[in-house]
Amino acid sequence: MTEVTLTEWNQFLTNFPNTHLLQMGEWGELKKDFGWKPVRLVSGNVGVQILFRRLPLGFTIAYMPKPVDSGQWTVDSEAFWREVDTICKKNRAIFLKIEPDAWDSEFRILHSAFRISPHNIQPPRTIIINIKDSEEDILARMKPKCRYNIRLAEKKGVTVRAWDDIATFHEMMTVTGGRDNFGVHSKEYYQRAYELFHPKGTCELLVAEYEGKPLASLMVFANAKRAWYVYGASNNEERNRMPTYLLQWEAIRWAKARGCEEYDLWGVPDENEETLEANFETRHDGLWGVYRFKRGFGGQLKRAAQALDRVYNPLLYWAYVKFIGNRA
């Protein structure tokens, strides 16, 4: 298995056009600028992008997010995993965390070398909107209140357009993070993401405005048949005009126009549907604050396969899980 360049990796991915956002070469480049080291391995029709994060004393953790479906999970792929293990050990990884690009109901572990991880890095549960059908059909599947709010925003003079003001977007993210109690990346992080993905046509920054004043914004990503709503923000002005609803609808329309068939709302509380529906009106902590909004768009609640860990240093892995991992 050969370690390849960014250009060679992107060429390899042409064989897998529906690759997840987190395996795209640009995502590795984004993470490289903010504390991770991407390593890309290819052998024939098998390949993977692994990210390494440095820990004290020269150790690292290795992370394989949403690897392409190229046979890695089969029992007869020992050669592949030996190469992965060699690279991980070369980089002094305590363990390799793998988040399969599969749904929990569809995924089966076929090898005893993997153990179920006690935690995920990405939110495991999400809402997927089917956007293959007409816009009228997509709207018809939404909750009535959501459809109403989209139309209300239009009636109240909210407009949506493409944007490139990362500084103001970051200010909105900071306001939203403080209001909803979640972490926010630096302005430079969002700027770099935009610079890497937007020229390829795989990312758009949209803004909802009223009388020229920005009210809400989001960054949406797309590749082949899939789109992901990853970053979204709003300030505290004119919220009665429901700008976030029209903004999300226009992002869905953007993804549909690019040929996407599903739209991933990227993260809701990791609970079953009965629990979510019973509690979303009273809970606002963590991802509960966004579930009420996201549920309105009529998607299907799905859970990703649980993360797996491949351990190289059992003692340090135990310490990581106990003292660090649950806060990651």
Protein backbone atom coordinates (compact mmCIF):
# COMPACT_ATOMS: atom_id res chain seq x y z
CA MET A 1 0.00 0.00 0.00
CA THR A 2 1.39 3.39 -1.04
CA GLU A 3 1.15 6.72 0.72
CA VAL A 4 -0.17 9.16 -1.89
CA THR A 5 -0.41 12.89 -2.42
CA LEU A 6 -3.57 14.97 -2.27
CA THR A 7 -3.81 14.97 -6.07
CA GLU A 8 -3.37 11.20 -6.24
CA TRP A 9 -5.95 10.71 -3.49
CA ASN A 10 -8.53 12.82 -5.27
CA GLN A 11 -7.84 10.83 -8.44
CA PHE A 12 -8.43 7.60 -6.48
CA LEU A 13 -11.75 8.97 -5.21
CA THR A 14 -13.05 9.31 -8.76
CA ASN A 15 -13.69 5.56 -8.45
CA PHE A 16 -15.94 6.28 -5.47
CA PRO A 17 -18.01 9.31 -6.50
CA ASN A 18 -20.30 9.17 -3.47
CA THR A 19 -17.47 9.48 -0.96
CA HIS A 20 -18.35 11.01 2.39
CA LEU A 21 -17.31 14.59 3.07
CA LEU A 22 -14.87 13.48 5.79
CA GLN A 23 -12.86 11.31 3.38
CA MET A 24 -12.51 14.03 0.75
CA GLY A 25 -8.95 15.22 0.29
CA GLU A 26 -9.95 18.80 1.06
CA TRP A 27 -11.22 17.74 4.48
CA GLY A 28 -7.82 16.27 5.26
CA GLU A 29 -6.19 19.52 4.15
CA LEU A 30 -8.55 21.49 6.37
CA LYS A 31 -7.71 19.38 9.39
CA LYS A 32 -3.98 19.57 8.58
CA ASP A 33 -4.06 23.31 9.17
CA PHE A 34 -5.65 22.83 12.59
CA GLY A 35 -3.67 20.20 14.43
CA TRP A 36 -4.14 16.98 12.45
CA LYS A 37 -1.83 15.15 10.05
CA PRO A 38 -3.56 13.47 7.08
CA VAL A 39 -2.08 10.27 5.66
CA ARG A 40 -3.62 8.78 2.51
CA LEU A 41 -3.02 5.16 1.55
CA VAL A 42 -3.94 3.47 -1.73
CA SER A 43 -3.47 -0.02 -3.11
CA GLY A 44 -5.46 -0.89 -6.23
CA ASN A 45 -9.12 -0.28 -5.46
CA VAL A 46 -8.56 0.01 -1.70
CA GLY A 47 -7.69 3.24 0.02
CA VAL A 48 -8.22 5.35 3.12
CA GLN A 49 -7.49 8.79 4.54
CA ILE A 50 -6.34 8.65 8.18
CA LEU A 51 -5.98 11.70 10.41
CA PHE A 52 -3.43 11.77 13.26
CA ARG A 53 -3.75 14.07 16.25
CA ARG A 54 -0.67 14.62 18.39
CA LEU A 55 -0.80 13.88 22.12
CA PRO A 56 1.81 14.57 24.82
CA LEU A 57 5.10 12.62 24.77
CA GLY A 58 4.95 12.12 21.01
CA PHE A 59 1.95 9.80 20.97
CA THR A 60 -1.02 10.29 18.66
CA ILE A 61 -4.57 9.16 18.14
CA ALA A 62 -5.50 7.98 14.66
CA TYR A 63 -8.91 8.69 13.20
CA MET A 64 -10.49 7.11 10.12
CA PRO A 65 -13.76 8.98 9.51
CA LYS A 66 -16.30 7.46 7.10
CA PRO A 67 -13.89 5.38 4.95
CA VAL A 68 -14.91 4.59 1.40
CA ASP A 69 -16.60 1.24 0.86
CA SER A 70 -13.77 -0.59 -0.83
CA GLY A 71 -13.63 -3.91 0.97
CA GLN A 72 -11.83 -2.91 4.16
CA TRP A 73 -14.40 -4.58 6.36
CA THR A 74 -14.15 -8.09 4.95
CA VAL A 75 -12.28 -10.91 6.68
CA ASP A 76 -9.96 -11.36 3.69
CA SER A 77 -8.56 -7.83 3.91
CA GLU A 78 -5.72 -8.69 6.32
CA ALA A 79 -3.13 -7.14 4.02
CA PHE A 80 -4.96 -3.83 4.10
CA TRP A 81 -5.16 -3.76 7.87
CA ARG A 82 -1.50 -4.77 8.27
CA GLU A 83 -0.58 -1.70 6.22
CA VAL A 84 -2.89 0.50 8.27
CA ASP A 85 -1.40 -0.88 11.49
CA THR A 86 2.11 -0.19 10.22
CA ILE A 87 1.30 3.45 9.46
CA CYS A 88 -0.46 3.90 12.80
CA LYS A 89 2.43 2.42 14.75
CA LYS A 90 4.91 4.49 12.76
CA ASN A 91 2.98 7.56 13.92
CA ARG A 92 2.92 6.23 17.52
CA ALA A 93 -0.86 5.96 17.60
CA ILE A 94 -2.34 4.68 20.86
CA PHE A 95 -5.35 3.47 18.89
CA LEU A 96 -7.19 3.95 15.62
CA LYS A 97 -10.78 5.16 15.80
CA ILE A 98 -12.96 4.21 12.84
CA GLU A 99 -16.39 5.67 12.15
CA PRO A 100 -17.88 3.51 9.36
CA ASP A 101 -19.80 5.17 6.56
CA ALA A 102 -22.83 2.98 7.26
CA TRP A 103 -26.03 3.00 9.24
CA ASP A 104 -26.24 1.07 12.49
CA SER A 105 -28.97 -1.24 11.18
CA GLU A 106 -26.84 -2.23 8.17
CA PHE A 107 -23.35 -2.65 9.65
CA ARG A 108 -21.80 -5.83 11.00
CA ILE A 109 -18.33 -6.18 12.52
CA LEU A 110 -16.52 -8.98 10.74
CA HIS A 111 -13.25 -9.03 12.63
CA SER A 112 -12.33 -9.53 16.29
CA ALA A 113 -9.50 -6.96 16.09
CA PHE A 114 -12.09 -4.18 16.34
CA ARG A 115 -13.78 -3.26 19.57
CA ILE A 116 -16.90 -1.15 19.99
CA SER A 117 -15.77 2.33 20.97
CA PRO A 118 -17.22 3.98 24.08
CA HIS A 119 -17.65 7.23 22.20
CA ASN A 120 -17.97 8.76 18.74
CA ILE A 121 -16.32 11.89 17.39
CA GLN A 122 -19.16 12.81 15.01
CA PRO A 123 -22.75 12.93 16.30
CA PRO A 124 -24.01 9.41 15.55
CA ARG A 125 -27.67 10.24 15.13
CA THR A 126 -28.96 12.53 12.41
CA ILE A 127 -31.93 13.31 10.19
CA ILE A 128 -31.72 12.50 6.48
CA ILE A 129 -34.04 14.31 4.08
CA ASN A 130 -34.93 12.59 0.82
CA ILE A 131 -34.57 15.28 -1.85
CA LYS A 132 -34.92 13.09 -4.95
CA ASP A 133 -38.55 14.09 -5.46
CA SER A 134 -40.01 17.40 -6.59
CA GLU A 135 -39.80 20.49 -4.41
CA GLU A 136 -43.56 20.23 -3.86
CA ASP A 137 -43.16 16.68 -2.54
CA ILE A 138 -40.28 17.69 -0.27
CA LEU A 139 -42.34 20.53 1.16
CA ALA A 140 -45.36 18.24 1.59
CA ARG A 141 -43.35 15.91 3.84
CA MET A 142 -42.37 18.74 6.19
CA LYS A 143 -44.21 19.50 9.40
CA PRO A 144 -46.97 22.06 8.73
CA LYS A 145 -45.34 24.59 11.06
CA CYS A 146 -42.05 24.32 9.16
CA ARG A 147 -43.74 24.94 5.80
CA TYR A 148 -45.59 27.87 7.35
CA ASN A 149 -42.36 29.39 8.66
CA ILE A 150 -40.66 29.10 5.26
CA ARG A 151 -43.53 30.96 3.64
CA LEU A 152 -43.73 33.44 6.50
CA ALA A 153 -40.06 34.35 6.04
CA GLU A 154 -40.70 35.04 2.35
CA LYS A 155 -43.78 37.16 3.14
CA LYS A 156 -41.85 39.11 5.76
CA GLY A 157 -39.20 40.13 3.24
CA VAL A 158 -36.39 37.69 4.04
CA THR A 159 -34.17 36.86 1.07
CA VAL A 160 -31.36 34.31 0.68
CA ARG A 161 -28.26 34.55 -1.47
CA ALA A 162 -24.74 33.17 -1.82
CA TRP A 163 -22.24 34.96 0.40
CA ASP A 164 -18.52 35.09 1.15
CA ASP A 165 -18.32 37.23 4.31
CA ILE A 166 -16.58 34.73 6.57
CA ALA A 167 -15.84 37.33 9.26
CA THR A 168 -19.54 38.11 9.75
CA PHE A 169 -20.41 34.42 9.51
CA HIS A 170 -17.94 33.74 12.34
CA GLU A 171 -19.50 36.52 14.41
CA MET A 172 -22.89 34.85 13.94
CA MET A 173 -21.41 31.47 14.88
CA THR A 174 -20.03 33.00 18.08
CA VAL A 175 -23.45 34.45 18.96
CA THR A 176 -25.17 31.12 18.23
CA GLY A 177 -22.59 29.11 20.16
CA GLY A 178 -23.06 31.31 23.19
CA ARG A 179 -26.85 31.15 22.92
CA ASP A 180 -27.07 27.39 22.34
CA ASN A 181 -23.97 26.36 24.30
CA PHE A 182 -21.81 24.67 21.66
CA GLY A 183 -18.18 25.11 20.59
CA VAL A 184 -17.25 27.35 17.68
CA HIS A 185 -14.22 27.13 15.38
CA SER A 186 -11.96 30.09 14.70
CA LYS A 187 -12.64 32.48 11.83
CA GLU A 188 -9.57 31.07 10.11
CA TYR A 189 -11.08 27.56 10.23
CA TYR A 190 -14.25 28.58 8.40
CA GLN A 191 -12.23 30.67 5.95
CA ARG A 192 -10.00 27.71 5.12
CA ALA A 193 -12.98 25.38 4.70
CA TYR A 194 -14.54 27.84 2.27
CA GLU A 195 -11.30 28.29 0.34
CA LEU A 196 -10.80 24.54 -0.04
CA PHE A 197 -14.32 23.43 -0.98
CA HIS A 198 -16.04 26.39 -2.64
CA PRO A 199 -13.81 26.56 -5.74
CA LYS A 200 -14.69 22.91 -6.43
CA GLY A 201 -18.41 23.66 -6.27
CA THR A 202 -18.79 21.35 -3.28
CA CYS A 203 -19.58 24.05 -0.72
CA GLU A 204 -21.74 27.14 -0.53
CA LEU A 205 -22.11 29.82 2.11
CA LEU A 206 -25.66 31.17 2.14
CA VAL A 207 -27.02 34.15 4.03
CA ALA A 208 -30.59 35.12 4.91
CA GLU A 209 -31.10 38.88 4.96
CA TYR A 210 -33.77 41.44 5.70
CA GLU A 211 -33.39 44.85 4.07
CA GLY A 212 -29.73 44.04 3.42
CA LYS A 213 -29.01 43.09 7.03
CA PRO A 214 -27.63 39.54 7.61
CA LEU A 215 -29.80 37.53 10.01
CA ALA A 216 -28.66 33.92 9.55
CA SER A 217 -26.11 31.97 7.56
CA LEU A 218 -25.05 28.40 6.91
CA MET A 219 -22.31 26.46 5.17
CA VAL A 220 -23.55 23.47 3.18
CA PHE A 221 -21.37 20.81 1.53
CA ALA A 222 -22.18 18.37 -1.25
CA ASN A 223 -20.56 15.48 -3.09
CA ALA A 224 -22.32 13.43 -5.77
CA LYS A 225 -25.66 12.30 -4.32
CA ARG A 226 -25.14 13.50 -0.75
CA ALA A 227 -25.23 16.91 0.93
CA TRP A 228 -24.42 17.90 4.50
CA TYR A 229 -25.55 20.85 6.60
CA VAL A 230 -22.48 21.22 8.78
CA TYR A 231 -22.31 24.80 10.12
CA GLY A 232 -25.20 27.15 10.74
CA ALA A 233 -25.68 30.35 12.69
CA SER A 234 -28.05 33.23 13.36
CA ASN A 235 -27.90 36.44 15.31
CA ASN A 236 -30.55 37.65 17.72
CA GLU A 237 -32.17 40.16 15.36
CA GLU A 238 -35.51 39.83 13.53
CA ARG A 239 -35.98 36.25 14.67
CA ASN A 240 -39.75 36.64 14.30
CA ARG A 241 -39.16 36.68 10.53
CA MET A 242 -38.04 33.02 10.69
CA PRO A 243 -34.92 33.50 8.53
CA THR A 244 -33.38 30.14 9.45
CA TYR A 245 -36.29 28.21 7.90
CA LEU A 246 -36.06 29.90 4.52
CA LEU A 247 -32.26 29.65 4.68
CA GLN A 248 -32.38 25.88 5.24
CA TRP A 249 -34.91 25.46 2.45
CA GLU A 250 -32.68 27.34 0.03
CA ALA A 251 -29.74 25.14 1.06
CA ILE A 252 -31.85 22.07 0.28
CA ARG A 253 -32.74 23.57 -3.09
CA TRP A 254 -29.05 24.27 -3.77
CA ALA A 255 -28.17 20.64 -3.01
CA LYS A 256 -31.02 19.36 -5.16
CA ALA A 257 -29.93 21.55 -8.07
CA ARG A 258 -26.49 19.91 -7.87
CA GLY A 259 -28.05 16.46 -8.27
CA CYS A 260 -27.99 15.42 -4.61
CA GLU A 261 -30.59 12.89 -3.51
CA GLU A 262 -30.23 13.14 0.27
CA TYR A 263 -29.57 16.00 2.66
CA ASP A 264 -27.95 15.26 6.01
CA LEU A 265 -28.93 17.63 8.83
CA TRP A 266 -25.84 16.49 10.76
CA GLY A 267 -26.55 15.82 14.37
CA VAL A 268 -29.45 15.43 16.79
CA PRO A 269 -29.51 13.93 20.31
CA ASP A 270 -28.52 10.27 20.37
CA GLU A 271 -31.92 9.02 21.49
CA ASN A 272 -34.63 6.94 19.86
CA GLU A 273 -37.53 8.70 18.14
CA GLU A 274 -39.99 8.11 20.98
CA THR A 275 -37.65 9.78 23.49
CA LEU A 276 -36.92 12.66 21.15
CA GLU A 277 -40.57 13.35 20.46
CA ALA A 278 -41.49 13.11 24.13
CA ASN A 279 -38.85 15.58 25.28
CA PHE A 280 -37.95 18.06 22.54
CA GLU A 281 -40.31 20.77 23.80
CA THR A 282 -38.84 20.82 27.30
CA ARG A 283 -35.13 20.11 26.76
CA HIS A 284 -32.75 22.61 25.21
CA ASP A 285 -29.31 21.33 26.29
CA GLY A 286 -26.73 20.07 23.80
CA LEU A 287 -28.22 18.96 20.49
CA TRP A 288 -31.73 19.14 21.92
CA GLY A 289 -31.74 22.81 21.04
CA VAL A 290 -31.55 22.05 17.32
CA TYR A 291 -33.75 18.95 17.19
CA ARG A 292 -36.97 20.93 17.34
CA PHE A 293 -35.85 22.93 14.31
CA LYS A 294 -34.46 20.01 12.29
CA ARG A 295 -37.41 17.66 12.86
CA GLY A 296 -39.66 20.08 11.02
CA PHE A 297 -38.06 19.40 7.65
CA GLY A 298 -39.61 15.97 7.35
CA GLY A 299 -36.54 13.76 7.22
CA GLN A 300 -35.90 10.27 8.56
CA LEU A 301 -34.14 9.77 11.89
CA LYS A 302 -31.11 7.51 11.39
CA ARG A 303 -28.15 6.38 13.49
CA ALA A 304 -24.67 5.80 12.13
CA ALA A 305 -22.79 2.63 12.98
CA GLN A 306 -21.06 2.94 16.32
CA ALA A 307 -17.39 3.91 16.18
CA LEU A 308 -14.82 1.14 16.43
CA ASP A 309 -11.39 1.24 18.05
CA ARG A 310 -8.32 -0.73 16.98
CA VAL A 311 -5.98 -0.60 19.99
CA TYR A 312 -2.18 -0.54 19.82
CA ASN A 313 -1.30 0.49 23.38
CA PRO A 314 -3.86 -0.97 25.84
CA LEU A 315 -2.63 0.91 28.93
CA LEU A 316 -2.60 4.35 27.30
CA TYR A 317 -5.87 3.57 25.54
CA TRP A 318 -7.46 2.85 28.92
CA ALA A 319 -6.14 6.16 30.26
CA TYR A 320 -7.36 8.04 27.19
CA VAL A 321 -10.87 6.61 27.43
CA LYS A 322 -11.06 7.25 31.16
CA PHE A 323 -9.65 10.77 31.31
CA ILE A 324 -9.86 12.27 27.82
CA GLY A 325 -12.03 10.32 25.43
CA ASN A 326 -15.36 11.08 27.02
CA ARG A 327 -14.63 14.79 26.61
CA ALA A 328 -13.47 14.52 22.98
